[in-house]
Amino acid sequence: MLGIKQEALAFELGDDWNQKKISLLEQKEMVESDILTQVAQILKVPVEAIENFDEEQAVNIISNTFTSNDTSTLNAINVQPTFNPLDKMVELYERMLEQQREMIEKLEKLIEKK
């Protein structure tokens, strides 16, 4: 719902993570508290928002918010993320490019030694 891809979340969690592992994590009934805390920090949401998440209720709130003519509903529910997902993707790509540059530099040094 936040527009964050599994690959991006895996990248943020570290080297031990990949898209498939995130997919399996999403299917778990119970998630270890340390992992849940990390994910919540990355997504910039409270742990409780993940623990108590109800997809049907969230879809209903969003659906009712955008179909309602009652502006008080719009004012009462903040559906704006606290961050811009596009900014997060740009940040991720910049980090990936930096890692790629570092890898190229290391490879060039290795080639020079030979």
N, C-alpha and C. Protein backbone atom coordinates (compact mmCIF):
# COMPACT_ATOMS: atom_id res chain seq x y z
N MET A 1 0.81 -1.19 0.00
CA MET A 1 0.00 0.00 0.00
C MET A 1 0.86 1.26 0.00
N LEU A 2 2.10 1.14 0.49
CA LEU A 2 3.00 2.29 0.51
C LEU A 2 3.77 2.43 -0.79
N GLY A 3 3.62 1.46 -1.67
CA GLY A 3 4.31 1.53 -2.96
C GLY A 3 5.76 1.12 -2.89
N ILE A 4 6.15 0.39 -1.88
CA ILE A 4 7.53 -0.05 -1.74
C ILE A 4 7.64 -1.49 -2.23
N LYS A 5 8.53 -1.71 -3.15
CA LYS A 5 8.72 -3.05 -3.72
C LYS A 5 9.46 -3.95 -2.73
N GLN A 6 9.24 -5.25 -2.87
CA GLN A 6 9.91 -6.22 -2.02
C GLN A 6 11.43 -6.12 -2.15
N GLU A 7 11.90 -5.88 -3.37
CA GLU A 7 13.35 -5.76 -3.59
C GLU A 7 13.93 -4.59 -2.81
N ALA A 8 13.19 -3.48 -2.78
CA ALA A 8 13.67 -2.29 -2.05
C ALA A 8 13.71 -2.56 -0.55
N LEU A 9 12.70 -3.24 -0.04
CA LEU A 9 12.68 -3.57 1.39
C LEU A 9 13.82 -4.54 1.71
N ALA A 10 14.03 -5.52 0.85
CA ALA A 10 15.13 -6.47 1.05
C ALA A 10 16.47 -5.74 1.09
N PHE A 11 16.65 -4.80 0.18
CA PHE A 11 17.88 -4.03 0.13
C PHE A 11 18.10 -3.27 1.44
N GLU A 12 17.03 -2.67 1.95
CA GLU A 12 17.12 -1.90 3.19
C GLU A 12 17.42 -2.80 4.39
N LEU A 13 16.92 -4.04 4.37
CA LEU A 13 17.14 -4.96 5.50
C LEU A 13 18.56 -5.52 5.52
N GLY A 14 19.23 -5.53 4.39
CA GLY A 14 20.63 -5.98 4.39
C GLY A 14 20.91 -7.12 3.44
N ASP A 15 22.17 -7.53 3.46
CA ASP A 15 22.68 -8.52 2.50
C ASP A 15 22.02 -9.90 2.61
N ASP A 16 21.52 -10.24 3.79
CA ASP A 16 20.91 -11.56 3.98
C ASP A 16 19.51 -11.66 3.39
N TRP A 17 19.00 -10.54 2.86
CA TRP A 17 17.62 -10.50 2.39
C TRP A 17 17.56 -10.39 0.88
N ASN A 18 16.46 -10.96 0.33
CA ASN A 18 16.17 -10.84 -1.10
C ASN A 18 14.65 -10.81 -1.27
N GLN A 19 14.21 -10.62 -2.50
CA GLN A 19 12.78 -10.50 -2.78
C GLN A 19 12.01 -11.73 -2.33
N LYS A 20 12.56 -12.91 -2.56
CA LYS A 20 11.86 -14.14 -2.20
C LYS A 20 11.70 -14.25 -0.68
N LYS A 21 12.73 -13.87 0.04
CA LYS A 21 12.67 -13.93 1.50
C LYS A 21 11.63 -12.95 2.04
N ILE A 22 11.51 -11.78 1.42
CA ILE A 22 10.48 -10.80 1.81
C ILE A 22 9.09 -11.37 1.53
N SER A 23 8.94 -12.02 0.39
CA SER A 23 7.66 -12.62 0.04
C SER A 23 7.25 -13.67 1.08
N LEU A 24 8.21 -14.49 1.50
CA LEU A 24 7.93 -15.49 2.53
C LEU A 24 7.60 -14.83 3.87
N LEU A 25 8.30 -13.74 4.17
CA LEU A 25 8.04 -12.99 5.41
C LEU A 25 6.60 -12.47 5.42
N GLU A 26 6.15 -11.97 4.27
CA GLU A 26 4.79 -11.42 4.18
C GLU A 26 3.73 -12.49 4.42
N GLN A 27 4.06 -13.73 4.15
CA GLN A 27 3.09 -14.82 4.30
C GLN A 27 3.04 -15.40 5.72
N LYS A 28 4.02 -15.04 6.53
CA LYS A 28 4.08 -15.58 7.89
C LYS A 28 2.93 -15.05 8.74
N GLU A 29 2.45 -15.91 9.62
CA GLU A 29 1.43 -15.51 10.58
C GLU A 29 2.06 -14.69 11.71
N MET A 30 3.25 -15.10 12.15
CA MET A 30 3.97 -14.41 13.22
C MET A 30 5.37 -14.04 12.71
N VAL A 31 5.80 -12.81 12.99
CA VAL A 31 7.11 -12.33 12.58
C VAL A 31 7.90 -11.99 13.84
N GLU A 32 9.18 -12.36 13.85
CA GLU A 32 10.03 -12.08 15.00
C GLU A 32 10.02 -10.57 15.28
N SER A 33 10.02 -10.22 16.56
CA SER A 33 9.88 -8.81 16.94
C SER A 33 11.02 -7.95 16.43
N ASP A 34 12.25 -8.48 16.39
CA ASP A 34 13.36 -7.65 15.91
C ASP A 34 13.23 -7.35 14.42
N ILE A 35 12.76 -8.32 13.66
CA ILE A 35 12.55 -8.11 12.22
C ILE A 35 11.38 -7.14 12.02
N LEU A 36 10.33 -7.33 12.78
CA LEU A 36 9.16 -6.45 12.69
C LEU A 36 9.55 -5.00 13.00
N THR A 37 10.39 -4.82 13.99
CA THR A 37 10.85 -3.48 14.35
C THR A 37 11.66 -2.86 13.22
N GLN A 38 12.55 -3.65 12.62
CA GLN A 38 13.36 -3.16 11.50
C GLN A 38 12.46 -2.75 10.32
N VAL A 39 11.51 -3.60 9.99
CA VAL A 39 10.61 -3.32 8.86
C VAL A 39 9.81 -2.05 9.14
N ALA A 40 9.30 -1.92 10.35
CA ALA A 40 8.52 -0.73 10.72
C ALA A 40 9.37 0.53 10.59
N GLN A 41 10.63 0.46 11.01
CA GLN A 41 11.51 1.63 10.90
C GLN A 41 11.76 1.98 9.44
N ILE A 42 11.98 0.97 8.60
CA ILE A 42 12.23 1.21 7.18
C ILE A 42 10.99 1.82 6.52
N LEU A 43 9.82 1.30 6.86
CA LEU A 43 8.58 1.79 6.27
C LEU A 43 8.10 3.08 6.93
N LYS A 44 8.75 3.44 8.04
CA LYS A 44 8.40 4.65 8.80
C LYS A 44 6.95 4.61 9.26
N VAL A 45 6.59 3.45 9.82
CA VAL A 45 5.27 3.29 10.42
C VAL A 45 5.46 2.67 11.80
N PRO A 46 4.51 2.87 12.70
CA PRO A 46 4.62 2.22 14.01
C PRO A 46 4.49 0.70 13.88
N VAL A 47 5.16 -0.01 14.77
CA VAL A 47 5.08 -1.48 14.78
C VAL A 47 3.61 -1.90 14.88
N GLU A 48 2.85 -1.17 15.68
CA GLU A 48 1.44 -1.51 15.90
C GLU A 48 0.64 -1.43 14.60
N ALA A 49 1.04 -0.54 13.69
CA ALA A 49 0.33 -0.43 12.41
C ALA A 49 0.48 -1.71 11.60
N ILE A 50 1.62 -2.36 11.74
CA ILE A 50 1.84 -3.63 11.03
C ILE A 50 1.14 -4.76 11.78
N GLU A 51 1.28 -4.78 13.09
CA GLU A 51 0.68 -5.84 13.90
C GLU A 51 -0.84 -5.87 13.76
N ASN A 52 -1.46 -4.69 13.69
CA ASN A 52 -2.92 -4.60 13.67
C ASN A 52 -3.47 -4.33 12.28
N PHE A 53 -2.66 -4.54 11.25
CA PHE A 53 -3.08 -4.20 9.90
C PHE A 53 -4.22 -5.11 9.44
N ASP A 54 -5.23 -4.48 8.88
CA ASP A 54 -6.38 -5.18 8.31
C ASP A 54 -6.56 -4.65 6.89
N GLU A 55 -6.20 -5.45 5.90
CA GLU A 55 -6.22 -4.98 4.51
C GLU A 55 -7.61 -4.56 4.08
N GLU A 56 -8.61 -5.33 4.43
CA GLU A 56 -9.98 -5.00 4.03
C GLU A 56 -10.41 -3.65 4.62
N GLN A 57 -10.09 -3.45 5.89
CA GLN A 57 -10.43 -2.18 6.53
C GLN A 57 -9.68 -1.02 5.87
N ALA A 58 -8.41 -1.21 5.57
CA ALA A 58 -7.62 -0.15 4.93
C ALA A 58 -8.19 0.19 3.55
N VAL A 59 -8.56 -0.83 2.79
CA VAL A 59 -9.13 -0.60 1.46
C VAL A 59 -10.46 0.14 1.59
N ASN A 60 -11.27 -0.25 2.57
CA ASN A 60 -12.55 0.43 2.78
C ASN A 60 -12.36 1.90 3.15
N ILE A 61 -11.41 2.17 4.01
CA ILE A 61 -11.15 3.57 4.42
C ILE A 61 -10.73 4.39 3.21
N ILE A 62 -9.80 3.86 2.44
CA ILE A 62 -9.32 4.58 1.26
C ILE A 62 -10.44 4.75 0.25
N SER A 63 -11.20 3.68 0.01
CA SER A 63 -12.30 3.73 -0.95
C SER A 63 -13.35 4.76 -0.52
N ASN A 64 -13.73 4.73 0.74
CA ASN A 64 -14.73 5.67 1.24
C ASN A 64 -14.21 7.10 1.25
N THR A 65 -12.94 7.26 1.47
CA THR A 65 -12.35 8.60 1.49
C THR A 65 -12.43 9.24 0.12
N PHE A 66 -12.14 8.47 -0.91
CA PHE A 66 -12.10 9.05 -2.24
C PHE A 66 -13.45 9.08 -2.94
N THR A 67 -14.43 8.34 -2.42
CA THR A 67 -15.75 8.37 -3.05
C THR A 67 -16.74 9.23 -2.28
N SER A 68 -16.35 9.66 -1.10
CA SER A 68 -17.25 10.45 -0.27
C SER A 68 -17.23 11.92 -0.70
N ASN A 69 -18.40 12.55 -0.68
CA ASN A 69 -18.48 13.98 -0.94
C ASN A 69 -18.32 14.78 0.35
N ASP A 70 -18.26 14.07 1.46
CA ASP A 70 -18.14 14.71 2.77
C ASP A 70 -16.68 15.06 3.03
N THR A 71 -16.34 16.33 2.99
CA THR A 71 -14.95 16.74 3.15
C THR A 71 -14.45 16.53 4.58
N SER A 72 -15.35 16.40 5.54
CA SER A 72 -14.89 16.16 6.91
C SER A 72 -14.20 14.80 7.00
N THR A 73 -14.66 13.83 6.20
CA THR A 73 -14.01 12.52 6.17
C THR A 73 -12.60 12.67 5.63
N LEU A 74 -12.44 13.48 4.60
CA LEU A 74 -11.12 13.69 4.04
C LEU A 74 -10.19 14.33 5.05
N ASN A 75 -10.71 15.24 5.84
CA ASN A 75 -9.89 15.91 6.83
C ASN A 75 -9.58 15.02 8.02
N ALA A 76 -10.44 14.07 8.32
CA ALA A 76 -10.27 13.23 9.49
C ALA A 76 -9.27 12.11 9.26
N ILE A 77 -9.10 11.69 8.03
CA ILE A 77 -8.22 10.57 7.72
C ILE A 77 -7.05 11.06 6.89
N ASN A 78 -5.86 10.86 7.40
CA ASN A 78 -4.66 11.26 6.67
C ASN A 78 -4.16 10.07 5.88
N VAL A 79 -4.39 10.07 4.57
CA VAL A 79 -3.95 8.97 3.73
C VAL A 79 -2.63 9.29 3.04
N GLN A 80 -2.04 10.44 3.38
CA GLN A 80 -0.77 10.82 2.79
C GLN A 80 0.36 10.14 3.56
N PRO A 81 1.27 9.47 2.86
CA PRO A 81 2.41 8.90 3.58
C PRO A 81 3.27 10.03 4.16
N THR A 82 4.00 9.71 5.21
CA THR A 82 4.86 10.71 5.84
C THR A 82 6.15 10.92 5.06
N PHE A 83 6.31 10.20 3.97
CA PHE A 83 7.47 10.35 3.10
C PHE A 83 7.02 10.20 1.67
N ASN A 84 7.83 10.67 0.76
CA ASN A 84 7.52 10.55 -0.66
C ASN A 84 8.16 9.26 -1.18
N PRO A 85 7.36 8.27 -1.62
CA PRO A 85 7.92 7.01 -2.11
C PRO A 85 8.91 7.22 -3.25
N LEU A 86 8.67 8.22 -4.08
CA LEU A 86 9.59 8.49 -5.18
C LEU A 86 10.95 8.92 -4.64
N ASP A 87 10.95 9.74 -3.59
CA ASP A 87 12.22 10.13 -2.97
C ASP A 87 12.97 8.92 -2.43
N LYS A 88 12.24 7.99 -1.85
CA LYS A 88 12.87 6.77 -1.32
C LYS A 88 13.48 5.95 -2.45
N MET A 89 12.78 5.86 -3.57
CA MET A 89 13.32 5.10 -4.71
C MET A 89 14.57 5.78 -5.26
N VAL A 90 14.56 7.09 -5.37
CA VAL A 90 15.73 7.83 -5.85
C VAL A 90 16.90 7.59 -4.89
N GLU A 91 16.62 7.65 -3.60
CA GLU A 91 17.65 7.40 -2.59
C GLU A 91 18.23 5.99 -2.75
N LEU A 92 17.35 5.02 -2.96
CA LEU A 92 17.78 3.63 -3.15
C LEU A 92 18.66 3.50 -4.39
N TYR A 93 18.22 4.09 -5.49
CA TYR A 93 19.01 4.02 -6.73
C TYR A 93 20.35 4.70 -6.58
N GLU A 94 20.39 5.82 -5.86
CA GLU A 94 21.65 6.50 -5.64
C GLU A 94 22.62 5.62 -4.84
N ARG A 95 22.09 4.94 -3.83
CA ARG A 95 22.95 4.02 -3.06
C ARG A 95 23.43 2.87 -3.92
N MET A 96 22.53 2.36 -4.76
CA MET A 96 22.92 1.25 -5.65
C MET A 96 23.99 1.71 -6.64
N LEU A 97 23.85 2.91 -7.18
CA LEU A 97 24.86 3.44 -8.09
C LEU A 97 26.20 3.62 -7.39
N GLU A 98 26.17 4.10 -6.17
CA GLU A 98 27.40 4.28 -5.40
C GLU A 98 28.09 2.93 -5.17
N GLN A 99 27.31 1.92 -4.83
CA GLN A 99 27.87 0.58 -4.65
C GLN A 99 28.47 0.06 -5.95
N GLN A 100 27.79 0.33 -7.05
CA GLN A 100 28.29 -0.10 -8.35
C GLN A 100 29.61 0.62 -8.66
N ARG A 101 29.69 1.91 -8.38
CA ARG A 101 30.93 2.67 -8.60
C ARG A 101 32.07 2.09 -7.77
N GLU A 102 31.77 1.78 -6.52
CA GLU A 102 32.79 1.19 -5.64
C GLU A 102 33.26 -0.15 -6.18
N MET A 103 32.33 -0.96 -6.66
CA MET A 103 32.69 -2.25 -7.21
C MET A 103 33.56 -2.09 -8.46
N ILE A 104 33.23 -1.14 -9.31
CA ILE A 104 34.01 -0.89 -10.51
C ILE A 104 35.42 -0.44 -10.14
N GLU A 105 35.53 0.43 -9.13
CA GLU A 105 36.84 0.88 -8.67
C GLU A 105 37.68 -0.29 -8.18
N LYS A 106 37.07 -1.18 -7.41
CA LYS A 106 37.78 -2.36 -6.90
C LYS A 106 38.23 -3.25 -8.05
N LEU A 107 37.36 -3.45 -9.03
CA LEU A 107 37.71 -4.28 -10.18
C LEU A 107 38.84 -3.64 -10.98
N GLU A 108 38.79 -2.33 -11.13
CA GLU A 108 39.86 -1.64 -11.86
C GLU A 108 41.19 -1.79 -11.14
N LYS A 109 41.19 -1.72 -9.81
CA LYS A 109 42.42 -1.91 -9.03
C LYS A 109 42.95 -3.32 -9.19
N LEU A 110 42.03 -4.28 -9.21
CA LEU A 110 42.45 -5.68 -9.40
C LEU A 110 43.07 -5.88 -10.78
N ILE A 111 42.49 -5.26 -11.79
CA ILE A 111 43.00 -5.37 -13.15
C ILE A 111 44.38 -4.73 -13.25
N GLU A 112 44.54 -3.58 -12.61
CA GLU A 112 45.84 -2.88 -12.62
C GLU A 112 46.94 -3.72 -11.98
N LYS A 113 46.62 -4.47 -10.96
CA LYS A 113 47.60 -5.32 -10.27
C LYS A 113 48.08 -6.45 -11.16
N LYS A 114 47.23 -6.90 -12.08
CA LYS A 114 47.59 -8.02 -12.94
C LYS A 114 48.28 -7.48 -14.12
